[in-house]
PDB file of N, CA and C in Angstrom:
ATOM      1  N   MET A   1     -14.120   2.206   9.578  1.00  0.00           N
ATOM      2  CA  MET A   1     -14.112   0.848   9.271  1.00  0.00           C
ATOM      3  C   MET A   1     -12.793   0.539   8.337  1.00  0.00           C
ATOM      4  N   ASP A   2     -12.398  -0.750   8.398  1.00  0.00           N
ATOM      5  CA  ASP A   2     -11.295  -1.091   7.655  1.00  0.00           C
ATOM      6  C   ASP A   2     -11.126  -0.687   6.200  1.00  0.00           C
ATOM      7  N   SER A   3      -9.964  -0.494   5.727  1.00  0.00           N
ATOM      8  CA  SER A   3      -9.869  -0.005   4.243  1.00  0.00           C
ATOM      9  C   SER A   3     -10.205  -1.192   3.414  1.00  0.00           C
ATOM     10  N   GLY A   4     -11.010  -1.031   2.432  1.00  0.00           N
ATOM     11  CA  GLY A   4     -11.393  -2.130   1.487  1.00  0.00           C
ATOM     12  C   GLY A   4     -12.414  -3.013   2.088  1.00  0.00           C
ATOM     13  N   THR A   5     -13.161  -2.678   3.190  1.00  0.00           N
ATOM     14  CA  THR A   5     -14.373  -3.651   3.572  1.00  0.00           C
ATOM     15  C   THR A   5     -15.338  -3.475   2.759  1.00  0.00           C
ATOM     16  N   THR A   6     -16.096  -4.462   2.439  1.00  0.00           N
ATOM     17  CA  THR A   6     -17.415  -4.221   1.599  1.00  0.00           C
ATOM     18  C   THR A   6     -18.489  -4.263   2.629  1.00  0.00           C
ATOM     19  N   THR A   7     -19.645  -3.751   2.220  1.00  0.00           N
ATOM     20  CA  THR A   7     -20.675  -3.721   3.022  1.00  0.00           C
ATOM     21  C   THR A   7     -21.294  -5.053   3.377  1.00  0.00           C
ATOM     22  N   HIS A   8     -21.223  -6.107   2.290  1.00  0.00           N
ATOM     23  CA  HIS A   8     -21.815  -7.396   2.603  1.00  0.00           C
ATOM     24  C   HIS A   8     -20.943  -8.050   3.800  1.00  0.00           C
ATOM     25  N   SER A   9     -19.569  -7.769   3.661  1.00  0.00           N
ATOM     26  CA  SER A   9     -18.705  -8.277   4.560  1.00  0.00           C
ATOM     27  C   SER A   9     -18.900  -7.582   6.084  1.00  0.00           C
ATOM     28  N   ARG A  10     -18.980  -6.348   6.210  1.00  0.00           N
ATOM     29  CA  ARG A  10     -18.980  -5.629   7.432  1.00  0.00           C
ATOM     30  C   ARG A  10     -20.364  -5.804   8.112  1.00  0.00           C
ATOM     31  N   PHE A  11     -21.581  -5.673   7.327  1.00  0.00           N
ATOM     32  CA  PHE A  11     -22.919  -5.857   7.988  1.00  0.00           C
ATOM     33  C   PHE A  11     -23.303  -7.337   7.964  1.00  0.00           C
ATOM     34  N   LYS A  12     -22.528  -8.204   7.299  1.00  0.00           N
ATOM     35  CA  LYS A  12     -22.812  -9.613   7.001  1.00  0.00           C
ATOM     36  C   LYS A  12     -24.110  -9.615   6.406  1.00  0.00           C
ATOM     37  N   ILE A  13     -24.396  -8.876   5.313  1.00  0.00           N
ATOM     38  CA  ILE A  13     -25.514  -9.020   4.597  1.00  0.00           C
ATOM     39  C   ILE A  13     -25.661 -10.418   3.883  1.00  0.00           C
ATOM     40  N   PRO A  14     -26.867 -11.117   4.071  1.00  0.00           N
ATOM     41  CA  PRO A  14     -26.870 -12.564   3.419  1.00  0.00           C
ATOM     42  C   PRO A  14     -26.787 -12.383   1.848  1.00  0.00           C
ATOM     43  N   ILE A  15     -26.255 -13.276   1.229  1.00  0.00           N
ATOM     44  CA  ILE A  15     -26.264 -13.241  -0.243  1.00  0.00           C
ATOM     45  C   ILE A  15     -27.667 -13.356  -0.986  1.00  0.00           C
ATOM     46  N   ASN A  16     -28.378 -14.272  -0.388  1.00  0.00           N
ATOM     47  CA  ASN A  16     -29.792 -14.502  -0.869  1.00  0.00           C
ATOM     48  C   ASN A  16     -30.760 -13.884  -0.053  1.00  0.00           C
ATOM     49  N   LEU A  17     -30.959 -12.498  -0.511  1.00  0.00           N
ATOM     50  CA  LEU A  17     -32.023 -11.669   0.318  1.00  0.00           C
ATOM     51  C   LEU A  17     -33.474 -11.876   0.004  1.00  0.00           C
ATOM     52  N   THR A  18     -34.268 -11.751   1.021  1.00  0.00           N
ATOM     53  CA  THR A  18     -35.785 -11.609   0.842  1.00  0.00           C
ATOM     54  C   THR A  18     -36.077 -10.388   1.638  1.00  0.00           C
ATOM     55  N   ALA A  19     -37.350 -10.165   1.400  1.00  0.00           N
ATOM     56  CA  ALA A  19     -37.915  -8.947   1.933  1.00  0.00           C
ATOM     57  C   ALA A  19     -37.863  -8.837   3.479  1.00  0.00           C
ATOM     58  N   ASP A  20     -37.541 -10.227   4.212  1.00  0.00           N
ATOM     59  CA  ASP A  20     -37.540 -10.029   5.677  1.00  0.00           C
ATOM     60  C   ASP A  20     -36.076 -10.478   6.105  1.00  0.00           C
ATOM     61  N   SER A  21     -35.233 -10.279   5.409  1.00  0.00           N
ATOM     62  CA  SER A  21     -33.757 -10.811   5.640  1.00  0.00           C
ATOM     63  C   SER A  21     -33.281  -9.816   6.689  1.00  0.00           C
ATOM     64  N   LEU A  22     -32.472 -10.275   7.619  1.00  0.00           N
ATOM     65  CA  LEU A  22     -31.679  -9.619   8.491  1.00  0.00           C
ATOM     66  C   LEU A  22     -30.247  -9.951   8.293  1.00  0.00           C
ATOM     67  N   CYS A  23     -29.416  -9.034   8.701  1.00  0.00           N
ATOM     68  CA  CYS A  23     -27.986  -9.321   8.710  1.00  0.00           C
ATOM     69  C   CYS A  23     -27.553 -10.072   9.851  1.00  0.00           C
ATOM     70  N   ARG A  24     -26.402 -10.649   9.767  1.00  0.00           N
ATOM     71  CA  ARG A  24     -25.956 -11.542  10.840  1.00  0.00           C
ATOM     72  C   ARG A  24     -24.911 -10.728  11.885  1.00  0.00           C
ATOM     73  N   VAL A  25     -25.593  -9.801  12.430  1.00  0.00           N
ATOM     74  CA  VAL A  25     -24.686  -9.031  13.429  1.00  0.00           C
ATOM     75  C   VAL A  25     -25.533  -9.304  14.817  1.00  0.00           C
ATOM     76  N   GLU A  26     -24.722  -9.815  15.643  1.00  0.00           N
ATOM     77  CA  GLU A  26     -25.415 -10.072  16.998  1.00  0.00           C
ATOM     78  C   GLU A  26     -25.289  -8.688  17.862  1.00  0.00           C
ATOM     79  N   ALA A  27     -26.228  -8.425  18.608  1.00  0.00           N
ATOM     80  CA  ALA A  27     -26.393  -7.040  19.319  1.00  0.00           C
ATOM     81  C   ALA A  27     -25.040  -6.908  20.312  1.00  0.00           C
ATOM     82  N   LEU A  28     -24.546  -8.048  20.770  1.00  0.00           N
ATOM     83  CA  LEU A  28     -23.391  -7.922  21.783  1.00  0.00           C
ATOM     84  C   LEU A  28     -21.946  -8.306  21.060  1.00  0.00           C
ATOM     85  N   SER A  29     -22.073  -8.223  19.859  1.00  0.00           N
ATOM     86  CA  SER A  29     -20.615  -8.483  19.152  1.00  0.00           C
ATOM     87  C   SER A  29     -19.837  -7.333  18.944  1.00  0.00           C
ATOM     88  N   ASP A  30     -18.624  -7.583  18.668  1.00  0.00           N
ATOM     89  CA  ASP A  30     -17.684  -6.310  18.316  1.00  0.00           C
ATOM     90  C   ASP A  30     -18.109  -5.592  17.177  1.00  0.00           C
ATOM     91  N   VAL A  31     -18.680  -6.247  16.210  1.00  0.00           N
ATOM     92  CA  VAL A  31     -19.326  -5.389  15.027  1.00  0.00           C
ATOM     93  C   VAL A  31     -20.377  -4.418  15.473  1.00  0.00           C
ATOM     94  N   ALA A  32     -21.354  -5.127  16.407  1.00  0.00           N
ATOM     95  CA  ALA A  32     -22.515  -4.121  16.921  1.00  0.00           C
ATOM     96  C   ALA A  32     -21.915  -3.030  17.630  1.00  0.00           C
ATOM     97  N   THR A  33     -20.904  -3.185  18.436  1.00  0.00           N
ATOM     98  CA  THR A  33     -20.056  -2.144  19.224  1.00  0.00           C
ATOM     99  C   THR A  33     -19.464  -1.003  18.362  1.00  0.00           C
ATOM    100  N   LEU A  34     -18.945  -1.381  17.084  1.00  0.00           N
ATOM    101  CA  LEU A  34     -18.246  -0.721  16.374  1.00  0.00           C
ATOM    102  C   LEU A  34     -19.564   0.236  15.708  1.00  0.00           C
ATOM    103  N   LEU A  35     -20.444  -0.425  15.287  1.00  0.00           N
ATOM    104  CA  LEU A  35     -21.650   0.255  14.577  1.00  0.00           C
ATOM    105  C   LEU A  35     -22.447   1.377  15.672  1.00  0.00           C
ATOM    106  N   ARG A  36     -22.440   0.985  16.983  1.00  0.00           N
ATOM    107  CA  ARG A  36     -22.822   1.979  17.863  1.00  0.00           C
ATOM    108  C   ARG A  36     -21.921   3.231  18.010  1.00  0.00           C
ATOM    109  N   ALA A  37     -20.620   3.009  17.767  1.00  0.00           N
ATOM    110  CA  ALA A  37     -19.801   4.172  17.921  1.00  0.00           C
ATOM    111  C   ALA A  37     -19.686   4.828  16.734  1.00  0.00           C
ATOM    112  N   THR A  38     -20.194   4.236  15.606  1.00  0.00           N
ATOM    113  CA  THR A  38     -20.093   5.145  14.429  1.00  0.00           C
ATOM    114  C   THR A  38     -21.071   6.221  14.030  1.00  0.00           C
ATOM    115  N   SER A  39     -20.546   7.421  13.743  1.00  0.00           N
ATOM    116  CA  SER A  39     -21.486   8.283  13.502  1.00  0.00           C
ATOM    117  C   SER A  39     -21.859   8.619  11.979  1.00  0.00           C
ATOM    118  N   ALA A  40     -21.300   8.002  10.958  1.00  0.00           N
ATOM    119  CA  ALA A  40     -21.520   8.015   9.681  1.00  0.00           C
ATOM    120  C   ALA A  40     -21.244   6.780   9.021  1.00  0.00           C
ATOM    121  N   ILE A  41     -22.059   6.396   7.980  1.00  0.00           N
ATOM    122  CA  ILE A  41     -21.617   5.302   7.157  1.00  0.00           C
ATOM    123  C   ILE A  41     -21.601   5.635   5.762  1.00  0.00           C
ATOM    124  N   ILE A  42     -20.621   5.364   5.001  1.00  0.00           N
ATOM    125  CA  ILE A  42     -20.504   5.869   3.604  1.00  0.00           C
ATOM    126  C   ILE A  42     -20.500   4.653   2.880  1.00  0.00           C
ATOM    127  N   TRP A  43     -21.578   4.269   2.029  1.00  0.00           N
ATOM    128  CA  TRP A  43     -21.910   3.181   1.277  1.00  0.00           C
ATOM    129  C   TRP A  43     -21.577   3.630  -0.172  1.00  0.00           C
ATOM    130  N   ASP A  44     -20.312   3.176  -0.676  1.00  0.00           N
ATOM    131  CA  ASP A  44     -19.998   3.641  -1.900  1.00  0.00           C
ATOM    132  C   ASP A  44     -20.832   3.347  -3.018  1.00  0.00           C
ATOM    133  N   GLU A  45     -21.326   2.126  -3.211  1.00  0.00           N
ATOM    134  CA  GLU A  45     -21.825   1.519  -4.281  1.00  0.00           C
ATOM    135  C   GLU A  45     -23.283   1.380  -4.037  1.00  0.00           C
ATOM    136  N   ALA A  46     -23.939   2.221  -3.103  1.00  0.00           N
ATOM    137  CA  ALA A  46     -25.349   1.973  -2.595  1.00  0.00           C
ATOM    138  C   ALA A  46     -26.259   2.124  -3.721  1.00  0.00           C
ATOM    139  N   PRO A  47     -26.220   2.925  -4.657  1.00  0.00           N
ATOM    140  CA  PRO A  47     -27.272   3.069  -5.923  1.00  0.00           C
ATOM    141  C   PRO A  47     -27.299   1.589  -6.567  1.00  0.00           C
ATOM    142  N   MET A  48     -26.356   0.950  -6.414  1.00  0.00           N
ATOM    143  CA  MET A  48     -26.346  -0.580  -7.173  1.00  0.00           C
ATOM    144  C   MET A  48     -27.084  -1.637  -6.269  1.00  0.00           C
ATOM    145  N   ALA A  49     -27.172  -1.375  -4.999  1.00  0.00           N
ATOM    146  CA  ALA A  49     -27.643  -2.534  -4.109  1.00  0.00           C
ATOM    147  C   ALA A  49     -29.096  -2.608  -4.205  1.00  0.00           C
ATOM    148  N   HIS A  50     -29.576  -3.773  -4.042  1.00  0.00           N
ATOM    149  CA  HIS A  50     -30.927  -4.131  -4.076  1.00  0.00           C
ATOM    150  C   HIS A  50     -31.533  -3.468  -2.822  1.00  0.00           C
ATOM    151  N   LYS A  51     -32.825  -3.019  -2.936  1.00  0.00           N
ATOM    152  CA  LYS A  51     -33.709  -2.417  -1.773  1.00  0.00           C
ATOM    153  C   LYS A  51     -33.558  -3.443  -0.607  1.00  0.00           C
ATOM    154  N   HIS A  52     -33.542  -4.622  -0.804  1.00  0.00           N
ATOM    155  CA  HIS A  52     -33.521  -5.490   0.449  1.00  0.00           C
ATOM    156  C   HIS A  52     -32.470  -5.513   1.353  1.00  0.00           C
ATOM    157  N   CYS A  53     -31.211  -4.989   0.496  1.00  0.00           N
ATOM    158  CA  CYS A  53     -29.998  -4.723   1.346  1.00  0.00           C
ATOM    159  C   CYS A  53     -30.192  -3.656   2.214  1.00  0.00           C
ATOM    160  N   TYR A  54     -30.814  -2.521   1.852  1.00  0.00           N
ATOM    161  CA  TYR A  54     -31.062  -1.435   2.575  1.00  0.00           C
ATOM    162  C   TYR A  54     -31.997  -1.804   3.780  1.00  0.00           C
ATOM    163  N   GLU A  55     -33.008  -2.469   3.566  1.00  0.00           N
ATOM    164  CA  GLU A  55     -34.008  -2.985   4.498  1.00  0.00           C
ATOM    165  C   GLU A  55     -33.500  -3.805   5.557  1.00  0.00           C
ATOM    166  N   ALA A  56     -32.568  -4.641   5.156  1.00  0.00           N
ATOM    167  CA  ALA A  56     -31.752  -5.785   6.033  1.00  0.00           C
ATOM    168  C   ALA A  56     -30.833  -4.889   6.946  1.00  0.00           C
ATOM    169  N   VAL A  57     -30.206  -4.028   6.403  1.00  0.00           N
ATOM    170  CA  VAL A  57     -29.391  -3.157   7.321  1.00  0.00           C
ATOM    171  C   VAL A  57     -29.961  -2.108   8.253  1.00  0.00           C
ATOM    172  N   ASP A  58     -31.220  -1.638   7.762  1.00  0.00           N
ATOM    173  CA  ASP A  58     -32.070  -0.826   8.577  1.00  0.00           C
ATOM    174  C   ASP A  58     -32.536  -1.557   9.757  1.00  0.00           C
ATOM    175  N   ARG A  59     -33.128  -2.939   9.419  1.00  0.00           N
ATOM    176  CA  ARG A  59     -33.636  -3.793  10.560  1.00  0.00           C
ATOM    177  C   ARG A  59     -32.538  -4.054  11.433  1.00  0.00           C
ATOM    178  N   THR A  60     -31.304  -4.269  10.998  1.00  0.00           N
ATOM    179  CA  THR A  60     -30.291  -4.724  11.875  1.00  0.00           C
ATOM    180  C   THR A  60     -29.926  -3.654  12.618  1.00  0.00           C
ATOM    181  N   MET A  61     -29.638  -2.331  12.101  1.00  0.00           N
ATOM    182  CA  MET A  61     -29.304  -1.337  12.780  1.00  0.00           C
ATOM    183  C   MET A  61     -30.125  -0.895  13.920  1.00  0.00           C
ATOM    184  N   ARG A  62     -31.539  -1.132  13.650  1.00  0.00           N
ATOM    185  CA  ARG A  62     -32.514  -0.729  14.642  1.00  0.00           C
ATOM    186  C   ARG A  62     -32.376  -1.684  15.787  1.00  0.00           C
ATOM    187  N   ASP A  63     -32.246  -2.938  15.500  1.00  0.00           N
ATOM    188  CA  ASP A  63     -31.974  -3.774  16.769  1.00  0.00           C
ATOM    189  C   ASP A  63     -30.634  -3.711  17.286  1.00  0.00           C
ATOM    190  N   VAL A  64     -29.636  -3.312  16.797  1.00  0.00           N
ATOM    191  CA  VAL A  64     -28.475  -3.025  17.421  1.00  0.00           C
ATOM    192  C   VAL A  64     -28.441  -1.764  18.246  1.00  0.00           C
ATOM    193  N   MET A  65     -29.185  -0.755  17.710  1.00  0.00           N
ATOM    194  CA  MET A  65     -29.205   0.567  18.463  1.00  0.00           C
ATOM    195  C   MET A  65     -30.315   0.620  19.341  1.00  0.00           C
ATOM    196  N   ARG A  66     -31.289  -0.406  19.052  1.00  0.00           N
ATOM    197  CA  ARG A  66     -32.564  -0.328  19.914  1.00  0.00           C
ATOM    198  C   ARG A  66     -33.360   0.756  19.917  1.00  0.00           C
ATOM    199  N   ILE A  67     -33.349   1.186  18.547  1.00  0.00           N
ATOM    200  CA  ILE A  67     -34.142   2.458  18.321  1.00  0.00           C
ATOM    201  C   ILE A  67     -35.595   1.993  17.836  1.00  0.00           C
ATOM    202  N   ASP A  68     -36.731   2.975  18.260  1.00  0.00           N
ATOM    203  CA  ASP A  68     -38.030   2.833  18.027  1.00  0.00           C
ATOM    204  C   ASP A  68     -38.283   2.606  16.584  1.00  0.00           C
ATOM    205  N   ARG A  69     -39.214   1.780  16.292  1.00  0.00           N
ATOM    206  CA  ARG A  69     -39.505   1.400  14.990  1.00  0.00           C
ATOM    207  C   ARG A  69     -40.072   2.465  13.965  1.00  0.00           C
ATOM    208  N   THR A  70     -40.389   3.684  14.669  1.00  0.00           N
ATOM    209  CA  THR A  70     -40.930   4.739  13.883  1.00  0.00           C
ATOM    210  C   THR A  70     -39.642   5.685  13.453  1.00  0.00           C
ATOM    211  N   ALA A  71     -38.616   5.527  14.154  1.00  0.00           N
ATOM    212  CA  ALA A  71     -37.486   6.409  13.639  1.00  0.00           C
ATOM    213  C   ALA A  71     -36.832   5.954  12.396  1.00  0.00           C
ATOM    214  N   THR A  72     -36.195   7.075  11.778  1.00  0.00           N
ATOM    215  CA  THR A  72     -35.658   6.706  10.302  1.00  0.00           C
ATOM    216  C   THR A  72     -34.155   6.945  10.638  1.00  0.00           C
ATOM    217  N   LEU A  73     -33.363   5.940   9.815  1.00  0.00           N
ATOM    218  CA  LEU A  73     -31.936   5.779   9.904  1.00  0.00           C
ATOM    219  C   LEU A  73     -31.168   6.574   8.823  1.00  0.00           C
ATOM    220  N   TRP A  74     -31.995   6.912   7.765  1.00  0.00           N
ATOM    221  CA  TRP A  74     -31.421   7.244   6.542  1.00  0.00           C
ATOM    222  C   TRP A  74     -31.697   8.579   6.092  1.00  0.00           C
ATOM    223  N   GLY A  75     -32.276   9.394   7.153  1.00  0.00           N
ATOM    224  CA  GLY A  75     -32.584  10.816   6.786  1.00  0.00           C
ATOM    225  C   GLY A  75     -34.019  10.830   6.272  1.00  0.00           C
ATOM    226  N   GLN A  76     -34.338  11.653   5.208  1.00  0.00           N
ATOM    227  CA  GLN A  76     -35.454  11.727   4.610  1.00  0.00           C
ATOM    228  C   GLN A  76     -35.764  10.501   3.827  1.00  0.00           C
ATOM    229  N   GLY A  77     -37.186  10.196   3.686  1.00  0.00           N
ATOM    230  CA  GLY A  77     -37.386   9.148   2.993  1.00  0.00           C
ATOM    231  C   GLY A  77     -36.947   8.838   1.568  1.00  0.00           C
ATOM    232  N   ARG A  78     -36.842   7.969   1.209  1.00  0.00           N
ATOM    233  CA  ARG A  78     -36.305   7.728  -0.075  1.00  0.00           C
ATOM    234  C   ARG A  78     -36.976   6.424  -0.805  1.00  0.00           C
ATOM    235  N   ASP A  79     -37.466   6.740  -2.187  1.00  0.00           N
ATOM    236  CA  ASP A  79     -38.043   5.703  -2.778  1.00  0.00           C
ATOM    237  C   ASP A  79     -36.806   4.603  -3.223  1.00  0.00           C
ATOM    238  N   LEU A  80     -36.873   3.443  -2.783  1.00  0.00           N
ATOM    239  CA  LEU A  80     -36.029   2.396  -2.918  1.00  0.00           C
ATOM    240  C   LEU A  80     -36.371   1.427  -4.163  1.00  0.00           C
ATOM    241  N   GLY A  81     -37.302   1.877  -4.961  1.00  0.00           N
ATOM    242  CA  GLY A  81     -37.747   1.079  -6.042  1.00  0.00           C
ATOM    243  C   GLY A  81     -38.928   0.011  -5.783  1.00  0.00           C
ATOM    244  N   ARG A  82     -39.620   0.621  -4.957  1.00  0.00           N
ATOM    245  CA  ARG A  82     -40.895  -0.151  -4.643  1.00  0.00           C
ATOM    246  C   ARG A  82     -41.940  -0.128  -5.774  1.00  0.00           C
TER     247      ARG A  82
END
């Protein structure tokens, strides 16, 4: 991804998050094509992000990748502060 791009900018994470938020990435957009071609995502300041950020990105990636809801995108399960 571009140098200096923030996760909120690239994934179009809403500023006012809720438990049901989705990122504004359309399945047929250029961003979705880039995400499908990406093999790893490095989220530099992930520990400081709210759990709703992870959940919104996860839901969006599942939609973009058309992955079964039972799959996990983040490896082993992690407690995100629930």
